[in-house]
């Protein structure tokens, strides 16, 4: 047998009818018409004129904020589930970002190793042949070798930090 919902708020509406809800009453309902609430009642109004809310003094604003925060209602079961889902989604997003960062770091490390190996080959002075667009082997001249050494150094500078 399912349990019935337990209304936490009870108040009298404008027509004098009792309203039961798990939501707070609208702001136009006076305090005297709220019969049952979630937390403790709000701070008492000034005794001189209970119908008028006096604006708090500048120093009193901080002091008034602390009791309100302490009197905040505890989250219901639905809020807890939502918080758990949010935390789980945030954890998944963080894990995905971490995995992506690790993947980028590995790619940079691989590029660094290949660039250092290529630079060492270029610096050795050995004759190096490359295959051109037509599929023919060409021996690199000194100008092409210098350009390739410069390119390899820029890759090392960028990826080997």
N, C-alpha and C. Protein backbone atom coordinates (compact mmCIF):
# COMPACT_ATOMS: atom_id res chain seq x y z
N UNK A 1 0.85 -1.17 0.00
CA UNK A 1 0.00 0.00 0.00
C UNK A 1 0.90 1.24 0.00
N UNK A 2 0.73 2.15 -0.95
CA UNK A 2 1.59 3.34 -0.99
C UNK A 2 1.27 4.28 0.16
N UNK A 3 2.30 4.95 0.62
CA UNK A 3 2.12 5.93 1.68
C UNK A 3 1.56 7.21 1.10
N UNK A 4 0.67 7.85 1.81
CA UNK A 4 0.11 9.11 1.31
C UNK A 4 1.12 10.23 1.51
N UNK A 5 1.02 11.24 0.65
CA UNK A 5 1.92 12.39 0.74
C UNK A 5 1.61 13.16 2.02
N UNK A 6 2.61 13.60 2.70
CA UNK A 6 2.45 14.31 3.95
C UNK A 6 2.66 15.80 3.69
N UNK A 7 1.58 16.57 3.67
CA UNK A 7 1.68 18.01 3.44
C UNK A 7 2.39 18.65 4.62
N UNK A 8 3.29 19.56 4.34
CA UNK A 8 4.06 20.18 5.39
C UNK A 8 3.60 21.60 5.68
N UNK A 9 2.85 22.21 4.79
CA UNK A 9 2.37 23.57 4.97
C UNK A 9 0.84 23.53 5.05
N UNK A 10 0.29 24.38 5.89
CA UNK A 10 -1.16 24.51 6.01
C UNK A 10 -1.45 25.99 6.26
N UNK A 11 -2.38 26.56 5.47
CA UNK A 11 -2.73 27.96 5.67
C UNK A 11 -4.16 28.20 5.21
N UNK A 12 -4.68 29.37 5.59
CA UNK A 12 -6.01 29.79 5.16
C UNK A 12 -5.84 30.73 3.97
N UNK A 13 -6.54 30.44 2.88
CA UNK A 13 -6.43 31.31 1.70
C UNK A 13 -7.32 32.54 1.87
N UNK A 14 -7.45 33.34 0.82
CA UNK A 14 -8.21 34.60 0.88
C UNK A 14 -9.68 34.37 1.18
N UNK A 15 -10.22 33.20 0.80
CA UNK A 15 -11.63 32.88 1.02
C UNK A 15 -11.86 32.18 2.35
N UNK A 16 -10.78 31.94 3.13
CA UNK A 16 -10.92 31.30 4.43
C UNK A 16 -10.86 29.78 4.36
N UNK A 17 -10.56 29.22 3.20
CA UNK A 17 -10.45 27.76 3.07
C UNK A 17 -9.05 27.31 3.46
N UNK A 18 -8.98 26.13 4.09
CA UNK A 18 -7.68 25.57 4.46
C UNK A 18 -7.01 25.00 3.22
N UNK A 19 -5.72 25.30 3.10
CA UNK A 19 -4.93 24.79 1.97
C UNK A 19 -3.79 23.97 2.56
N UNK A 20 -3.61 22.75 2.03
CA UNK A 20 -2.52 21.87 2.44
C UNK A 20 -1.57 21.72 1.26
N UNK A 21 -0.26 21.88 1.50
CA UNK A 21 0.70 21.80 0.40
C UNK A 21 2.08 21.45 0.91
N UNK A 22 2.90 20.95 -0.01
CA UNK A 22 4.31 20.74 0.32
C UNK A 22 5.13 21.96 -0.10
N UNK A 23 4.47 22.95 -0.69
CA UNK A 23 5.11 24.20 -1.11
C UNK A 23 4.74 25.30 -0.11
N UNK A 24 5.59 26.29 0.01
CA UNK A 24 5.30 27.42 0.89
C UNK A 24 4.13 28.21 0.32
N UNK A 25 3.37 28.88 1.18
CA UNK A 25 2.24 29.68 0.69
C UNK A 25 2.73 30.88 -0.10
N UNK A 26 1.87 31.45 -0.93
CA UNK A 26 2.27 32.64 -1.68
C UNK A 26 2.60 33.79 -0.72
N UNK A 27 3.40 34.75 -1.17
CA UNK A 27 3.82 35.84 -0.28
C UNK A 27 2.67 36.74 0.19
N UNK A 28 1.53 36.72 -0.51
CA UNK A 28 0.43 37.61 -0.10
C UNK A 28 -0.38 37.04 1.06
N UNK A 29 -0.05 35.84 1.54
CA UNK A 29 -0.75 35.25 2.68
C UNK A 29 -0.12 35.80 3.96
N UNK A 30 -0.91 36.44 4.84
CA UNK A 30 -0.34 37.00 6.08
C UNK A 30 0.10 35.87 7.03
N UNK A 31 1.04 36.21 7.89
CA UNK A 31 1.61 35.24 8.84
C UNK A 31 0.53 34.62 9.74
N UNK A 32 -0.48 35.40 10.09
CA UNK A 32 -1.50 34.90 11.01
C UNK A 32 -2.34 33.79 10.36
N UNK A 33 -2.38 33.72 9.02
CA UNK A 33 -3.15 32.70 8.33
C UNK A 33 -2.37 31.41 8.09
N UNK A 34 -1.08 31.40 8.39
CA UNK A 34 -0.28 30.18 8.21
C UNK A 34 -0.44 29.35 9.48
N UNK A 35 -1.07 28.18 9.32
CA UNK A 35 -1.38 27.34 10.47
C UNK A 35 -0.26 26.34 10.78
N UNK A 36 0.40 25.83 9.75
CA UNK A 36 1.49 24.89 9.96
C UNK A 36 2.56 25.13 8.90
N UNK A 37 3.83 25.04 9.30
CA UNK A 37 4.94 25.34 8.39
C UNK A 37 6.02 24.29 8.53
N UNK A 38 7.00 24.35 7.62
CA UNK A 38 8.10 23.40 7.61
C UNK A 38 9.07 23.70 8.75
N UNK A 39 9.56 24.89 8.82
CA UNK A 39 10.57 25.25 9.82
C UNK A 39 9.97 26.10 10.91
N UNK A 40 10.82 26.71 11.72
CA UNK A 40 10.34 27.60 12.77
C UNK A 40 9.75 28.86 12.14
N UNK A 41 8.89 29.56 12.87
CA UNK A 41 8.30 30.79 12.32
C UNK A 41 9.38 31.84 12.11
N UNK A 42 9.16 32.77 11.17
CA UNK A 42 10.15 33.81 10.92
C UNK A 42 10.30 34.72 12.13
N UNK A 43 11.37 35.49 12.15
CA UNK A 43 11.64 36.40 13.27
C UNK A 43 10.43 37.31 13.50
N UNK A 44 10.17 37.58 14.77
CA UNK A 44 9.01 38.41 15.12
C UNK A 44 9.16 39.81 14.55
N UNK A 45 8.01 40.35 14.14
CA UNK A 45 8.01 41.71 13.61
C UNK A 45 8.11 42.69 14.78
N UNK A 46 8.35 43.92 14.44
CA UNK A 46 8.49 44.93 15.49
C UNK A 46 7.20 45.02 16.28
N UNK A 47 7.30 45.20 17.59
CA UNK A 47 6.11 45.23 18.45
C UNK A 47 5.35 46.54 18.32
N UNK A 48 6.01 47.58 17.84
CA UNK A 48 5.33 48.87 17.70
C UNK A 48 4.23 48.79 16.65
N UNK A 49 4.53 48.24 15.48
CA UNK A 49 3.53 48.11 14.43
C UNK A 49 3.77 46.77 13.72
N UNK A 50 3.06 45.71 14.08
CA UNK A 50 3.32 44.39 13.52
C UNK A 50 2.97 44.27 12.04
N UNK A 51 2.20 45.19 11.50
CA UNK A 51 1.82 45.11 10.09
C UNK A 51 2.85 45.71 9.15
N UNK A 52 3.85 46.41 9.69
CA UNK A 52 4.83 47.08 8.85
C UNK A 52 6.19 46.43 9.08
N UNK A 53 6.83 46.03 8.01
CA UNK A 53 8.19 45.50 8.10
C UNK A 53 9.15 46.65 7.96
N UNK A 54 9.95 46.91 8.98
CA UNK A 54 10.94 47.98 8.93
C UNK A 54 12.15 47.48 8.18
N UNK A 55 12.75 48.31 7.32
CA UNK A 55 13.95 47.86 6.63
C UNK A 55 15.08 47.70 7.64
N UNK A 56 15.88 46.65 7.52
CA UNK A 56 16.95 46.42 8.49
C UNK A 56 18.06 47.45 8.33
N UNK A 57 18.73 47.71 9.44
CA UNK A 57 19.87 48.62 9.40
C UNK A 57 20.99 47.94 8.64
N UNK A 58 21.98 48.72 8.18
CA UNK A 58 23.05 48.15 7.37
C UNK A 58 23.81 47.08 8.13
N UNK A 59 24.13 47.29 9.37
CA UNK A 59 24.86 46.31 10.16
C UNK A 59 23.99 45.11 10.51
N UNK A 60 22.69 45.31 10.58
CA UNK A 60 21.79 44.23 10.95
C UNK A 60 21.51 43.28 9.80
N UNK A 61 21.84 43.68 8.59
CA UNK A 61 21.57 42.82 7.43
C UNK A 61 22.36 41.53 7.53
N UNK A 62 23.62 41.60 7.92
CA UNK A 62 24.44 40.40 8.06
C UNK A 62 23.94 39.55 9.22
N UNK A 63 23.55 40.19 10.31
CA UNK A 63 23.08 39.46 11.48
C UNK A 63 21.76 38.78 11.18
N UNK A 64 20.91 39.39 10.36
CA UNK A 64 19.62 38.80 10.02
C UNK A 64 19.78 37.65 9.03
N UNK A 65 20.82 37.66 8.22
CA UNK A 65 21.02 36.62 7.22
C UNK A 65 21.40 35.29 7.88
N UNK A 66 22.14 35.32 8.97
CA UNK A 66 22.58 34.09 9.63
C UNK A 66 21.40 33.28 10.18
N UNK A 67 20.45 33.90 10.91
CA UNK A 67 19.32 33.09 11.41
C UNK A 67 18.47 32.55 10.27
N UNK A 68 18.29 33.31 9.21
CA UNK A 68 17.50 32.83 8.07
C UNK A 68 18.15 31.61 7.45
N UNK A 69 19.47 31.62 7.32
CA UNK A 69 20.17 30.48 6.74
C UNK A 69 20.03 29.27 7.65
N UNK A 70 20.09 29.47 8.96
CA UNK A 70 19.96 28.36 9.89
C UNK A 70 18.54 27.82 9.89
N UNK A 71 17.54 28.68 9.64
CA UNK A 71 16.15 28.27 9.68
C UNK A 71 15.67 27.72 8.34
N UNK A 72 16.53 27.64 7.35
CA UNK A 72 16.13 27.13 6.05
C UNK A 72 15.67 25.68 6.20
N UNK A 73 14.59 25.29 5.51
CA UNK A 73 14.09 23.93 5.63
C UNK A 73 15.07 22.93 5.03
N UNK A 74 15.08 21.76 5.63
CA UNK A 74 15.95 20.70 5.12
C UNK A 74 15.39 20.21 3.79
N UNK A 75 16.25 19.80 2.85
CA UNK A 75 15.75 19.34 1.56
C UNK A 75 14.95 18.05 1.72
N UNK A 76 13.90 17.94 0.93
CA UNK A 76 13.08 16.74 0.97
C UNK A 76 13.76 15.63 0.18
N UNK A 77 13.13 14.47 0.11
CA UNK A 77 13.71 13.32 -0.60
C UNK A 77 13.95 13.61 -2.06
N UNK A 78 13.05 14.37 -2.69
CA UNK A 78 13.20 14.69 -4.11
C UNK A 78 14.46 15.53 -4.32
N UNK A 79 14.69 16.50 -3.41
CA UNK A 79 15.87 17.35 -3.52
C UNK A 79 17.15 16.53 -3.36
N UNK A 80 17.14 15.56 -2.46
CA UNK A 80 18.31 14.71 -2.26
C UNK A 80 18.61 13.92 -3.53
N UNK A 81 17.56 13.39 -4.16
CA UNK A 81 17.76 12.63 -5.40
C UNK A 81 18.33 13.54 -6.49
N UNK A 82 17.80 14.76 -6.56
CA UNK A 82 18.28 15.71 -7.56
C UNK A 82 19.73 16.07 -7.29
N UNK A 83 20.08 16.27 -6.02
CA UNK A 83 21.46 16.57 -5.67
C UNK A 83 22.38 15.41 -6.04
N UNK A 84 21.93 14.18 -5.79
CA UNK A 84 22.75 13.01 -6.13
C UNK A 84 22.95 12.91 -7.64
N UNK A 85 21.89 13.16 -8.41
CA UNK A 85 22.01 13.12 -9.87
C UNK A 85 22.95 14.21 -10.36
N UNK A 86 22.85 15.39 -9.76
CA UNK A 86 23.72 16.50 -10.15
C UNK A 86 25.17 16.17 -9.84
N UNK A 87 25.42 15.63 -8.64
CA UNK A 87 26.79 15.26 -8.26
C UNK A 87 27.33 14.19 -9.19
N UNK A 88 26.48 13.22 -9.54
CA UNK A 88 26.91 12.14 -10.43
C UNK A 88 27.24 12.70 -11.81
N UNK A 89 26.41 13.61 -12.32
CA UNK A 89 26.66 14.22 -13.63
C UNK A 89 27.94 15.05 -13.61
N UNK A 90 28.17 15.78 -12.52
CA UNK A 90 29.40 16.57 -12.39
C UNK A 90 30.62 15.66 -12.33
N UNK A 91 30.50 14.54 -11.62
CA UNK A 91 31.62 13.60 -11.53
C UNK A 91 31.92 12.99 -12.90
N UNK A 92 30.87 12.65 -13.65
CA UNK A 92 31.06 12.10 -14.99
C UNK A 92 31.71 13.12 -15.91
N UNK A 93 31.28 14.37 -15.82
CA UNK A 93 31.86 15.43 -16.66
C UNK A 93 33.33 15.63 -16.30
N UNK A 94 33.64 15.61 -15.00
CA UNK A 94 35.03 15.78 -14.57
C UNK A 94 35.88 14.60 -15.04
N UNK A 95 35.35 13.39 -14.96
CA UNK A 95 36.08 12.21 -15.42
C UNK A 95 36.32 12.29 -16.93
N UNK A 96 35.33 12.78 -17.65
CA UNK A 96 35.48 12.93 -19.10
C UNK A 96 36.55 13.97 -19.43
N UNK A 97 36.55 15.09 -18.70
CA UNK A 97 37.57 16.12 -18.90
C UNK A 97 38.95 15.59 -18.56
N UNK A 98 39.05 14.83 -17.47
CA UNK A 98 40.34 14.26 -17.07
C UNK A 98 40.85 13.28 -18.12
N UNK A 99 39.93 12.45 -18.67
CA UNK A 99 40.32 11.50 -19.70
C UNK A 99 40.79 12.23 -20.96
N UNK A 100 40.10 13.30 -21.31
CA UNK A 100 40.49 14.09 -22.49
C UNK A 100 41.84 14.75 -22.26
N UNK A 101 42.06 15.28 -21.06
CA UNK A 101 43.34 15.91 -20.74
C UNK A 101 44.48 14.88 -20.78
N UNK A 102 44.21 13.67 -20.29
CA UNK A 102 45.22 12.61 -20.33
C UNK A 102 45.52 12.21 -21.78
N UNK A 103 44.49 12.18 -22.60
CA UNK A 103 44.66 11.83 -24.02
C UNK A 103 45.52 12.89 -24.73
N UNK A 104 45.25 14.16 -24.45
CA UNK A 104 46.03 15.24 -25.05
C UNK A 104 47.48 15.19 -24.57
N UNK A 105 47.66 14.94 -23.27
CA UNK A 105 49.01 14.86 -22.72
C UNK A 105 49.79 13.70 -23.35
N UNK A 106 49.13 12.57 -23.56
CA UNK A 106 49.80 11.43 -24.20
C UNK A 106 50.17 11.76 -25.64
N UNK A 107 49.28 12.41 -26.37
CA UNK A 107 49.57 12.80 -27.76
C UNK A 107 50.75 13.76 -27.80
N UNK A 108 50.80 14.71 -26.87
CA UNK A 108 51.92 15.65 -26.83
C UNK A 108 53.23 14.92 -26.52
N UNK A 109 53.18 13.96 -25.60
CA UNK A 109 54.39 13.20 -25.26
C UNK A 109 54.87 12.39 -26.46
N UNK A 110 53.92 11.78 -27.18
CA UNK A 110 54.29 11.02 -28.39
C UNK A 110 54.89 11.94 -29.45
N UNK A 111 54.27 13.09 -29.68
CA UNK A 111 54.79 14.06 -30.65
C UNK A 111 56.18 14.53 -30.25
N UNK A 112 56.37 14.75 -28.96
CA UNK A 112 57.68 15.19 -28.46
C UNK A 112 58.75 14.14 -28.75
N UNK A 113 58.44 12.89 -28.44
CA UNK A 113 59.41 11.81 -28.66
C UNK A 113 59.75 11.67 -30.14
N UNK A 114 58.73 11.73 -30.99
CA UNK A 114 58.98 11.61 -32.44
C UNK A 114 59.77 12.80 -32.96
N UNK A 115 59.46 14.00 -32.48
CA UNK A 115 60.17 15.19 -32.93
C UNK A 115 61.64 15.14 -32.49
N UNK A 116 61.90 14.70 -31.27
CA UNK A 116 63.29 14.60 -30.80
C UNK A 116 64.06 13.56 -31.61
N UNK A 117 63.39 12.46 -31.90
CA UNK A 117 64.04 11.42 -32.70
C UNK A 117 64.33 11.94 -34.11
N UNK A 118 63.38 12.62 -34.70
CA UNK A 118 63.57 13.20 -36.04
C UNK A 118 64.66 14.26 -36.06
N UNK A 119 64.69 15.08 -35.02
CA UNK A 119 65.72 16.13 -34.93
C UNK A 119 67.10 15.51 -34.79
N UNK A 120 67.21 14.45 -34.00
CA UNK A 120 68.50 13.76 -33.85
C UNK A 120 68.95 13.18 -35.19
N UNK A 121 68.01 12.66 -35.94
CA UNK A 121 68.35 12.12 -37.27
C UNK A 121 68.82 13.25 -38.18
N UNK A 122 68.13 14.39 -38.15
CA UNK A 122 68.51 15.52 -38.99
C UNK A 122 69.88 16.07 -38.59
N UNK A 123 70.14 16.11 -37.28
CA UNK A 123 71.40 16.65 -36.78
C UNK A 123 72.58 15.71 -37.04
N UNK A 124 72.31 14.44 -37.32
CA UNK A 124 73.40 13.47 -37.50
C UNK A 124 74.19 13.71 -38.79
N UNK A 125 73.61 14.40 -39.74
CA UNK A 125 74.30 14.69 -40.99
C UNK A 125 74.14 13.59 -42.03
N UNK A 126 73.41 12.54 -41.74
CA UNK A 126 73.18 11.47 -42.72
C UNK A 126 72.35 12.01 -43.88
N UNK A 127 72.54 11.40 -45.03
CA UNK A 127 71.69 11.77 -46.17
C UNK A 127 70.31 11.19 -45.95
N UNK A 128 69.32 12.03 -46.18
CA UNK A 128 67.93 11.62 -45.93
C UNK A 128 67.14 11.78 -47.22
N UNK A 129 66.38 10.76 -47.55
CA UNK A 129 65.54 10.79 -48.74
C UNK A 129 64.08 10.85 -48.31
N UNK A 130 63.30 11.62 -49.05
CA UNK A 130 61.86 11.70 -48.82
C UNK A 130 61.16 11.32 -50.11
N UNK A 131 59.93 10.88 -50.01
CA UNK A 131 59.14 10.54 -51.18
C UNK A 131 58.27 11.75 -51.51
N UNK A 132 58.32 12.21 -52.78
CA UNK A 132 57.55 13.38 -53.18
C UNK A 132 56.12 12.97 -53.57
N UNK A 133 55.34 13.94 -54.04
CA UNK A 133 53.94 13.71 -54.38
C UNK A 133 53.77 12.71 -55.52
N UNK A 134 54.77 12.59 -56.40
CA UNK A 134 54.67 11.64 -57.52
C UNK A 134 55.15 10.24 -57.11
N UNK A 135 55.61 10.08 -55.88
CA UNK A 135 56.08 8.79 -55.40
C UNK A 135 57.55 8.55 -55.67
N UNK A 136 58.27 9.58 -56.06
CA UNK A 136 59.71 9.44 -56.35
C UNK A 136 60.51 9.81 -55.11
N UNK A 137 61.64 9.14 -54.93
CA UNK A 137 62.54 9.46 -53.81
C UNK A 137 63.40 10.65 -54.18
N UNK A 138 63.51 11.58 -53.23
CA UNK A 138 64.35 12.76 -53.43
C UNK A 138 65.27 12.89 -52.22
N UNK A 139 66.52 13.20 -52.47
CA UNK A 139 67.47 13.44 -51.38
C UNK A 139 67.30 14.88 -50.94
N UNK A 140 67.24 15.09 -49.60
CA UNK A 140 67.07 16.44 -49.07
C UNK A 140 68.38 17.21 -49.22
N UNK A 141 68.28 18.44 -49.73
CA UNK A 141 69.47 19.29 -49.80
C UNK A 141 69.61 20.05 -48.47
N UNK A 142 70.66 20.86 -48.36
CA UNK A 142 70.93 21.55 -47.10
C UNK A 142 69.81 22.51 -46.72
N UNK A 143 69.21 23.15 -47.70
CA UNK A 143 68.13 24.11 -47.42
C UNK A 143 66.91 23.37 -46.85
N UNK A 144 66.53 22.25 -47.46
CA UNK A 144 65.39 21.46 -46.99
C UNK A 144 65.68 20.87 -45.60
N UNK A 145 66.94 20.44 -45.40
CA UNK A 145 67.33 19.89 -44.10
C UNK A 145 67.21 20.97 -43.01
N UNK A 146 67.65 22.19 -43.28
CA UNK A 146 67.58 23.29 -42.31
C UNK A 146 66.11 23.62 -41.99
N UNK A 147 65.27 23.63 -43.02
CA UNK A 147 63.85 23.91 -42.80
C UNK A 147 63.22 22.82 -41.94
N UNK A 148 63.56 21.57 -42.19
CA UNK A 148 63.02 20.45 -41.40
C UNK A 148 63.54 20.50 -39.96
N UNK A 149 64.80 20.86 -39.76
CA UNK A 149 65.34 21.00 -38.41
C UNK A 149 64.61 22.11 -37.64
N UNK A 150 64.32 23.20 -38.32
CA UNK A 150 63.61 24.31 -37.69
C UNK A 150 62.18 23.88 -37.32
N UNK A 151 61.51 23.14 -38.20
CA UNK A 151 60.16 22.65 -37.93
C UNK A 151 60.16 21.69 -36.75
N UNK A 152 61.13 20.79 -36.73
CA UNK A 152 61.23 19.83 -35.63
C UNK A 152 61.48 20.55 -34.30
N UNK A 153 62.30 21.59 -34.31
CA UNK A 153 62.58 22.34 -33.10
C UNK A 153 61.33 23.05 -32.60
N UNK A 154 60.51 23.57 -33.51
CA UNK A 154 59.27 24.24 -33.08
C UNK A 154 58.31 23.24 -32.46
N UNK A 155 58.27 22.01 -32.99
CA UNK A 155 57.41 20.97 -32.40
C UNK A 155 57.94 20.62 -31.00
N UNK A 156 59.25 20.51 -30.88
CA UNK A 156 59.84 20.19 -29.56
C UNK A 156 59.53 21.31 -28.57
N UNK A 157 59.66 22.56 -29.00
CA UNK A 157 59.37 23.69 -28.12
C UNK A 157 57.92 23.69 -27.67
N UNK A 158 57.01 23.31 -28.57
CA UNK A 158 55.58 23.34 -28.25
C UNK A 158 55.15 22.16 -27.39
N UNK A 159 55.64 20.95 -27.68
CA UNK A 159 55.12 19.75 -27.03
C UNK A 159 55.98 19.20 -25.91
N UNK A 160 57.22 19.62 -25.78
CA UNK A 160 58.11 19.04 -24.77
C UNK A 160 58.30 20.00 -23.61
N UNK A 161 57.25 20.27 -22.89
CA UNK A 161 57.33 21.20 -21.75
C UNK A 161 57.32 20.45 -20.47
